[in-house]
Amino acid sequence: MDNIIFKKVWQDGNLIELKISINSEFVSAYQNCYIEDTMLKEISNKISNYVNNYNMPCYLEFGKKEDNYTPAFSMYMLPADASGHIKIEVDIEILDNDTRSHRCCFFVKSELGLIENLGISLNDIILGSEGVEASLC
């Protein structure tokens, strides 16, 4: 079953380390990334806005994909179909070199209600202890 899991590894002040694990029919991958709590809250709000206006796509980026930054991850949620099914294009960075040149991009299938729950659960990560998770399933 397709899934995206965000796990809080640690937090120091407003900086949170997340382990992002993704499973699809064809690919299983994970990466760690760093994000400020305010940015995670903003992403949660963007997911909520997407759920309320699911006919428009929504792009979410955790970190920055360009320049000299820590690893980055992105999700591009396509508009939902008439049944509420959604395809999410995920782009995960593979940390096997110093040039940040290896990425893996693939689709994850989901549903509107699961996306809504993910957005709500991301807020729990901000206030939660290490090990707390937010996921599609």
N, C-alpha and C. Protein backbone atom coordinates (compact mmCIF):
# COMPACT_ATOMS: atom_id res chain seq x y z
N MET A 1 0.84 -1.19 0.00
CA MET A 1 0.00 0.00 0.00
C MET A 1 0.88 1.25 0.00
N ASP A 2 0.53 2.23 -0.79
CA ASP A 2 1.29 3.47 -0.87
C ASP A 2 1.19 4.24 0.45
N ASN A 3 2.30 4.82 0.86
CA ASN A 3 2.30 5.58 2.11
C ASN A 3 3.46 6.57 2.13
N ILE A 4 3.25 7.66 2.84
CA ILE A 4 4.28 8.64 3.15
C ILE A 4 4.27 8.80 4.66
N ILE A 5 5.43 8.61 5.29
CA ILE A 5 5.53 8.69 6.75
C ILE A 5 6.56 9.74 7.12
N PHE A 6 6.15 10.69 7.95
CA PHE A 6 7.04 11.70 8.51
C PHE A 6 7.26 11.34 9.97
N LYS A 7 8.52 11.14 10.35
CA LYS A 7 8.84 10.79 11.74
C LYS A 7 9.78 11.85 12.31
N LYS A 8 9.44 12.35 13.47
CA LYS A 8 10.28 13.34 14.14
C LYS A 8 11.48 12.63 14.77
N VAL A 9 12.67 13.00 14.33
CA VAL A 9 13.89 12.40 14.86
C VAL A 9 14.35 13.18 16.08
N TRP A 10 14.43 14.51 15.96
CA TRP A 10 14.77 15.37 17.09
C TRP A 10 14.36 16.80 16.79
N GLN A 11 14.37 17.60 17.84
CA GLN A 11 14.09 19.02 17.68
C GLN A 11 15.03 19.80 18.58
N ASP A 12 15.59 20.87 18.04
CA ASP A 12 16.45 21.78 18.80
C ASP A 12 15.92 23.18 18.55
N GLY A 13 15.24 23.72 19.54
CA GLY A 13 14.60 25.02 19.35
C GLY A 13 13.50 24.90 18.32
N ASN A 14 13.61 25.69 17.26
CA ASN A 14 12.57 25.63 16.22
C ASN A 14 12.95 24.73 15.04
N LEU A 15 14.12 24.09 15.07
CA LEU A 15 14.58 23.23 13.98
C LEU A 15 14.23 21.77 14.28
N ILE A 16 13.56 21.14 13.31
CA ILE A 16 13.13 19.75 13.46
C ILE A 16 13.80 18.89 12.38
N GLU A 17 14.33 17.74 12.80
CA GLU A 17 14.81 16.76 11.84
C GLU A 17 13.70 15.74 11.62
N LEU A 18 13.36 15.52 10.36
CA LEU A 18 12.35 14.54 9.99
C LEU A 18 12.98 13.40 9.20
N LYS A 19 12.52 12.19 9.47
CA LYS A 19 12.82 11.06 8.59
C LYS A 19 11.56 10.85 7.77
N ILE A 20 11.71 10.93 6.45
CA ILE A 20 10.58 10.77 5.54
C ILE A 20 10.75 9.44 4.82
N SER A 21 9.80 8.55 5.03
CA SER A 21 9.81 7.24 4.38
C SER A 21 8.63 7.17 3.42
N ILE A 22 8.90 6.67 2.22
CA ILE A 22 7.87 6.62 1.20
C ILE A 22 7.83 5.24 0.59
N ASN A 23 6.62 4.72 0.44
CA ASN A 23 6.41 3.42 -0.18
C ASN A 23 5.38 3.55 -1.28
N SER A 24 5.69 2.99 -2.43
CA SER A 24 4.73 2.93 -3.53
C SER A 24 4.78 1.52 -4.10
N GLU A 25 4.01 1.30 -5.14
CA GLU A 25 4.01 0.00 -5.80
C GLU A 25 5.39 -0.36 -6.33
N PHE A 26 6.16 0.67 -6.75
CA PHE A 26 7.43 0.42 -7.43
C PHE A 26 8.67 0.79 -6.62
N VAL A 27 8.54 1.70 -5.66
CA VAL A 27 9.71 2.25 -4.97
C VAL A 27 9.46 2.35 -3.47
N SER A 28 10.50 2.04 -2.70
CA SER A 28 10.54 2.35 -1.27
C SER A 28 11.83 3.12 -1.03
N ALA A 29 11.71 4.28 -0.42
CA ALA A 29 12.89 5.12 -0.19
C ALA A 29 12.67 5.94 1.07
N TYR A 30 13.78 6.45 1.62
CA TYR A 30 13.67 7.35 2.77
C TYR A 30 14.80 8.37 2.71
N GLN A 31 14.61 9.43 3.44
CA GLN A 31 15.64 10.43 3.61
C GLN A 31 15.36 11.20 4.89
N ASN A 32 16.36 11.89 5.39
CA ASN A 32 16.18 12.81 6.50
C ASN A 32 16.28 14.22 5.95
N CYS A 33 15.51 15.12 6.53
CA CYS A 33 15.60 16.53 6.16
C CYS A 33 15.34 17.38 7.39
N TYR A 34 15.65 18.64 7.29
CA TYR A 34 15.52 19.58 8.39
C TYR A 34 14.56 20.68 7.99
N ILE A 35 13.69 21.05 8.93
CA ILE A 35 12.69 22.07 8.65
C ILE A 35 12.37 22.83 9.94
N GLU A 36 12.09 24.11 9.80
CA GLU A 36 11.69 24.90 10.96
C GLU A 36 10.23 24.61 11.28
N ASP A 37 9.90 24.69 12.56
CA ASP A 37 8.53 24.40 12.99
C ASP A 37 7.51 25.30 12.30
N THR A 38 7.85 26.57 12.08
CA THR A 38 6.92 27.49 11.41
C THR A 38 6.67 27.06 9.96
N MET A 39 7.69 26.54 9.30
CA MET A 39 7.53 26.08 7.93
C MET A 39 6.67 24.81 7.89
N LEU A 40 6.83 23.93 8.87
CA LEU A 40 6.01 22.73 8.94
C LEU A 40 4.55 23.10 9.18
N LYS A 41 4.31 24.10 9.99
CA LYS A 41 2.95 24.61 10.23
C LYS A 41 2.38 25.18 8.93
N GLU A 42 3.19 25.90 8.18
CA GLU A 42 2.75 26.46 6.90
C GLU A 42 2.39 25.35 5.91
N ILE A 43 3.17 24.28 5.88
CA ILE A 43 2.87 23.14 5.01
C ILE A 43 1.56 22.49 5.42
N SER A 44 1.34 22.36 6.72
CA SER A 44 0.09 21.81 7.23
C SER A 44 -1.09 22.66 6.75
N ASN A 45 -0.94 23.98 6.80
CA ASN A 45 -1.99 24.89 6.35
C ASN A 45 -2.22 24.76 4.84
N LYS A 46 -1.14 24.61 4.07
CA LYS A 46 -1.28 24.44 2.62
C LYS A 46 -2.03 23.15 2.29
N ILE A 47 -1.78 22.09 3.05
CA ILE A 47 -2.50 20.84 2.84
C ILE A 47 -3.99 21.04 3.13
N SER A 48 -4.30 21.75 4.20
CA SER A 48 -5.69 22.05 4.53
C SER A 48 -6.36 22.85 3.41
N ASN A 49 -5.65 23.83 2.87
CA ASN A 49 -6.19 24.62 1.76
C ASN A 49 -6.40 23.75 0.52
N TYR A 50 -5.48 22.83 0.28
CA TYR A 50 -5.62 21.91 -0.86
C TYR A 50 -6.87 21.05 -0.70
N VAL A 51 -7.09 20.53 0.50
CA VAL A 51 -8.26 19.68 0.75
C VAL A 51 -9.54 20.46 0.49
N ASN A 52 -9.55 21.74 0.82
CA ASN A 52 -10.74 22.57 0.59
C ASN A 52 -10.88 23.01 -0.87
N ASN A 53 -9.81 22.91 -1.64
CA ASN A 53 -9.83 23.30 -3.05
C ASN A 53 -9.04 22.27 -3.86
N TYR A 54 -9.51 21.03 -3.84
CA TYR A 54 -8.78 19.90 -4.40
C TYR A 54 -8.78 19.83 -5.92
N ASN A 55 -9.39 20.82 -6.58
CA ASN A 55 -9.35 20.86 -8.04
C ASN A 55 -8.09 21.54 -8.57
N MET A 56 -7.31 22.12 -7.66
CA MET A 56 -6.07 22.79 -8.02
C MET A 56 -4.89 21.98 -7.46
N PRO A 57 -3.78 21.90 -8.18
CA PRO A 57 -2.60 21.18 -7.65
C PRO A 57 -1.97 21.95 -6.49
N CYS A 58 -1.14 21.25 -5.73
CA CYS A 58 -0.47 21.87 -4.58
C CYS A 58 0.97 21.34 -4.51
N TYR A 59 1.93 22.26 -4.45
CA TYR A 59 3.35 21.89 -4.37
C TYR A 59 3.86 22.22 -2.97
N LEU A 60 4.53 21.25 -2.34
CA LEU A 60 5.09 21.42 -1.00
C LEU A 60 6.56 21.04 -1.04
N GLU A 61 7.40 21.88 -0.44
CA GLU A 61 8.84 21.60 -0.42
C GLU A 61 9.35 21.65 1.01
N PHE A 62 10.04 20.62 1.40
CA PHE A 62 10.67 20.51 2.71
C PHE A 62 12.16 20.73 2.49
N GLY A 63 12.66 21.92 2.81
CA GLY A 63 14.04 22.28 2.53
C GLY A 63 14.14 22.93 1.16
N LYS A 64 15.36 23.10 0.69
CA LYS A 64 15.60 23.73 -0.61
C LYS A 64 16.39 22.76 -1.49
N LYS A 65 15.91 22.57 -2.72
CA LYS A 65 16.54 21.63 -3.64
C LYS A 65 17.78 22.20 -4.31
N GLU A 66 17.93 23.48 -4.32
CA GLU A 66 19.03 24.14 -5.01
C GLU A 66 20.07 24.66 -4.02
N ASP A 67 21.28 24.85 -4.49
CA ASP A 67 22.38 25.48 -3.74
C ASP A 67 22.88 24.60 -2.61
N ASN A 68 23.57 25.21 -1.66
CA ASN A 68 24.27 24.50 -0.60
C ASN A 68 23.40 24.39 0.66
N TYR A 69 22.44 23.49 0.64
CA TYR A 69 21.54 23.28 1.76
C TYR A 69 21.55 21.82 2.16
N THR A 70 20.88 21.52 3.24
CA THR A 70 20.70 20.13 3.64
C THR A 70 19.72 19.46 2.68
N PRO A 71 19.58 18.14 2.73
CA PRO A 71 18.71 17.43 1.79
C PRO A 71 17.28 17.98 1.79
N ALA A 72 16.65 17.91 0.63
CA ALA A 72 15.30 18.43 0.46
C ALA A 72 14.37 17.36 -0.10
N PHE A 73 13.09 17.55 0.17
CA PHE A 73 12.04 16.63 -0.26
C PHE A 73 10.87 17.47 -0.75
N SER A 74 10.17 17.00 -1.78
CA SER A 74 8.98 17.73 -2.23
C SER A 74 7.84 16.77 -2.57
N MET A 75 6.65 17.32 -2.50
CA MET A 75 5.42 16.63 -2.86
C MET A 75 4.63 17.54 -3.79
N TYR A 76 4.14 17.00 -4.89
CA TYR A 76 3.28 17.74 -5.80
C TYR A 76 1.97 16.96 -5.90
N MET A 77 0.94 17.48 -5.23
CA MET A 77 -0.35 16.82 -5.20
C MET A 77 -1.17 17.30 -6.39
N LEU A 78 -1.52 16.37 -7.26
CA LEU A 78 -2.31 16.68 -8.44
C LEU A 78 -3.78 16.84 -8.03
N PRO A 79 -4.59 17.47 -8.86
CA PRO A 79 -6.02 17.59 -8.53
C PRO A 79 -6.65 16.21 -8.33
N ALA A 80 -7.61 16.16 -7.41
CA ALA A 80 -8.30 14.90 -7.13
C ALA A 80 -9.25 14.57 -8.28
N ASP A 81 -9.46 13.27 -8.50
CA ASP A 81 -10.45 12.87 -9.51
C ASP A 81 -11.84 12.91 -8.87
N ALA A 82 -12.86 12.52 -9.62
CA ALA A 82 -14.24 12.59 -9.15
C ALA A 82 -14.51 11.71 -7.92
N SER A 83 -13.68 10.70 -7.71
CA SER A 83 -13.83 9.80 -6.56
C SER A 83 -12.98 10.21 -5.36
N GLY A 84 -12.22 11.30 -5.49
CA GLY A 84 -11.36 11.75 -4.39
C GLY A 84 -10.00 11.09 -4.37
N HIS A 85 -9.63 10.38 -5.43
CA HIS A 85 -8.31 9.77 -5.51
C HIS A 85 -7.30 10.80 -5.99
N ILE A 86 -6.09 10.71 -5.44
CA ILE A 86 -5.05 11.70 -5.71
C ILE A 86 -3.75 10.98 -6.04
N LYS A 87 -3.04 11.54 -7.01
CA LYS A 87 -1.67 11.11 -7.28
C LYS A 87 -0.75 12.20 -6.75
N ILE A 88 0.26 11.77 -6.00
CA ILE A 88 1.24 12.69 -5.42
C ILE A 88 2.60 12.36 -6.02
N GLU A 89 3.18 13.33 -6.69
CA GLU A 89 4.54 13.13 -7.20
C GLU A 89 5.50 13.52 -6.08
N VAL A 90 6.28 12.55 -5.62
CA VAL A 90 7.27 12.82 -4.58
C VAL A 90 8.65 12.88 -5.21
N ASP A 91 9.49 13.72 -4.66
CA ASP A 91 10.86 13.89 -5.13
C ASP A 91 11.76 13.83 -3.90
N ILE A 92 12.50 12.75 -3.80
CA ILE A 92 13.30 12.49 -2.61
C ILE A 92 14.78 12.52 -3.00
N GLU A 93 15.58 13.11 -2.13
CA GLU A 93 17.01 13.22 -2.39
C GLU A 93 17.74 11.99 -1.84
N ILE A 94 18.61 11.44 -2.66
CA ILE A 94 19.40 10.27 -2.26
C ILE A 94 20.78 10.78 -1.84
N LEU A 95 21.13 10.53 -0.60
CA LEU A 95 22.39 11.06 -0.05
C LEU A 95 23.55 10.11 -0.25
N ASP A 96 23.92 9.89 -1.49
CA ASP A 96 25.05 9.01 -1.76
C ASP A 96 26.23 9.74 -2.39
N ASN A 97 26.18 11.10 -2.41
CA ASN A 97 27.29 11.88 -2.94
C ASN A 97 27.23 13.29 -2.37
N ASP A 98 28.29 14.06 -2.56
CA ASP A 98 28.36 15.41 -2.01
C ASP A 98 27.77 16.49 -2.92
N THR A 99 27.40 16.13 -4.13
CA THR A 99 26.92 17.13 -5.08
C THR A 99 25.40 17.26 -5.11
N ARG A 100 24.69 16.47 -4.33
CA ARG A 100 23.22 16.48 -4.29
C ARG A 100 22.63 16.19 -5.66
N SER A 101 23.30 15.37 -6.43
CA SER A 101 22.88 15.14 -7.82
C SER A 101 21.93 13.95 -8.00
N HIS A 102 21.72 13.14 -6.97
CA HIS A 102 20.87 11.97 -7.13
C HIS A 102 19.53 12.17 -6.42
N ARG A 103 18.47 12.03 -7.20
CA ARG A 103 17.11 12.19 -6.69
C ARG A 103 16.27 11.04 -7.23
N CYS A 104 15.19 10.77 -6.55
CA CYS A 104 14.25 9.74 -6.98
C CYS A 104 12.87 10.38 -7.01
N CYS A 105 12.21 10.31 -8.16
CA CYS A 105 10.92 10.96 -8.35
C CYS A 105 9.91 9.91 -8.81
N PHE A 106 8.78 9.80 -8.11
CA PHE A 106 7.78 8.80 -8.45
C PHE A 106 6.43 9.19 -7.86
N PHE A 107 5.38 8.48 -8.26
CA PHE A 107 4.03 8.76 -7.77
C PHE A 107 3.66 7.88 -6.59
N VAL A 108 2.89 8.47 -5.68
CA VAL A 108 2.25 7.78 -4.58
C VAL A 108 0.76 8.03 -4.74
N LYS A 109 -0.04 6.99 -4.60
CA LYS A 109 -1.49 7.12 -4.72
C LYS A 109 -2.09 7.31 -3.33
N SER A 110 -3.12 8.16 -3.26
CA SER A 110 -3.78 8.39 -1.99
C SER A 110 -5.22 8.83 -2.22
N GLU A 111 -5.86 9.25 -1.14
CA GLU A 111 -7.24 9.72 -1.17
C GLU A 111 -7.33 11.02 -0.40
N LEU A 112 -8.33 11.81 -0.72
CA LEU A 112 -8.50 13.13 -0.14
C LEU A 112 -8.56 13.09 1.40
N GLY A 113 -9.31 12.16 1.96
CA GLY A 113 -9.43 12.06 3.42
C GLY A 113 -8.10 11.74 4.09
N LEU A 114 -7.29 10.91 3.45
CA LEU A 114 -5.98 10.57 4.01
C LEU A 114 -5.04 11.76 3.96
N ILE A 115 -5.14 12.56 2.89
CA ILE A 115 -4.34 13.78 2.79
C ILE A 115 -4.73 14.75 3.90
N GLU A 116 -6.03 14.87 4.15
CA GLU A 116 -6.50 15.76 5.22
C GLU A 116 -5.94 15.33 6.57
N ASN A 117 -5.97 14.03 6.86
CA ASN A 117 -5.42 13.52 8.12
C ASN A 117 -3.92 13.77 8.22
N LEU A 118 -3.20 13.64 7.11
CA LEU A 118 -1.77 13.91 7.11
C LEU A 118 -1.49 15.35 7.50
N GLY A 119 -2.23 16.29 6.91
CA GLY A 119 -2.05 17.70 7.23
C GLY A 119 -2.27 17.99 8.70
N ILE A 120 -3.30 17.40 9.27
CA ILE A 120 -3.59 17.59 10.69
C ILE A 120 -2.49 16.98 11.54
N SER A 121 -2.03 15.79 11.16
CA SER A 121 -1.00 15.09 11.94
C SER A 121 0.35 15.79 11.91
N LEU A 122 0.64 16.54 10.86
CA LEU A 122 1.91 17.27 10.81
C LEU A 122 2.01 18.27 11.96
N ASN A 123 0.88 18.82 12.38
CA ASN A 123 0.89 19.71 13.55
C ASN A 123 1.31 18.98 14.82
N ASP A 124 0.93 17.70 14.93
CA ASP A 124 1.32 16.90 16.10
C ASP A 124 2.83 16.73 16.19
N ILE A 125 3.49 16.71 15.05
CA ILE A 125 4.95 16.57 15.04
C ILE A 125 5.60 17.79 15.69
N ILE A 126 5.05 18.96 15.43
CA ILE A 126 5.64 20.20 15.97
C ILE A 126 5.68 20.17 17.49
N LEU A 127 4.60 19.76 18.10
CA LEU A 127 4.51 19.77 19.56
C LEU A 127 4.87 18.43 20.19
N GLY A 128 4.93 17.38 19.38
CA GLY A 128 5.16 16.03 19.91
C GLY A 128 6.61 15.76 20.25
N SER A 129 6.79 14.63 20.91
CA SER A 129 8.14 14.20 21.31
C SER A 129 8.82 13.47 20.16
N GLU A 130 10.08 13.18 20.33
CA GLU A 130 10.83 12.43 19.33
C GLU A 130 10.15 11.09 19.09
N GLY A 131 10.08 10.68 17.83
CA GLY A 131 9.45 9.41 17.48
C GLY A 131 8.01 9.54 17.02
N VAL A 132 7.38 10.68 17.24
CA VAL A 132 5.99 10.85 16.79
C VAL A 132 5.96 10.86 15.26
N GLU A 133 4.90 10.28 14.69
CA GLU A 133 4.79 10.13 13.24
C GLU A 133 3.49 10.72 12.71
N ALA A 134 3.55 11.13 11.46
CA ALA A 134 2.38 11.53 10.68
C ALA A 134 2.46 10.75 9.38
N SER A 135 1.36 10.15 8.94
CA SER A 135 1.41 9.36 7.71
C SER A 135 0.07 9.40 6.99
N LEU A 136 0.09 8.91 5.76
CA LEU A 136 -1.14 8.80 4.99
C LEU A 136 -2.03 7.69 5.51
N CYS A 137 -1.44 6.60 5.99
CA CYS A 137 -2.23 5.44 6.46
C CYS A 137 -2.20 5.33 7.97
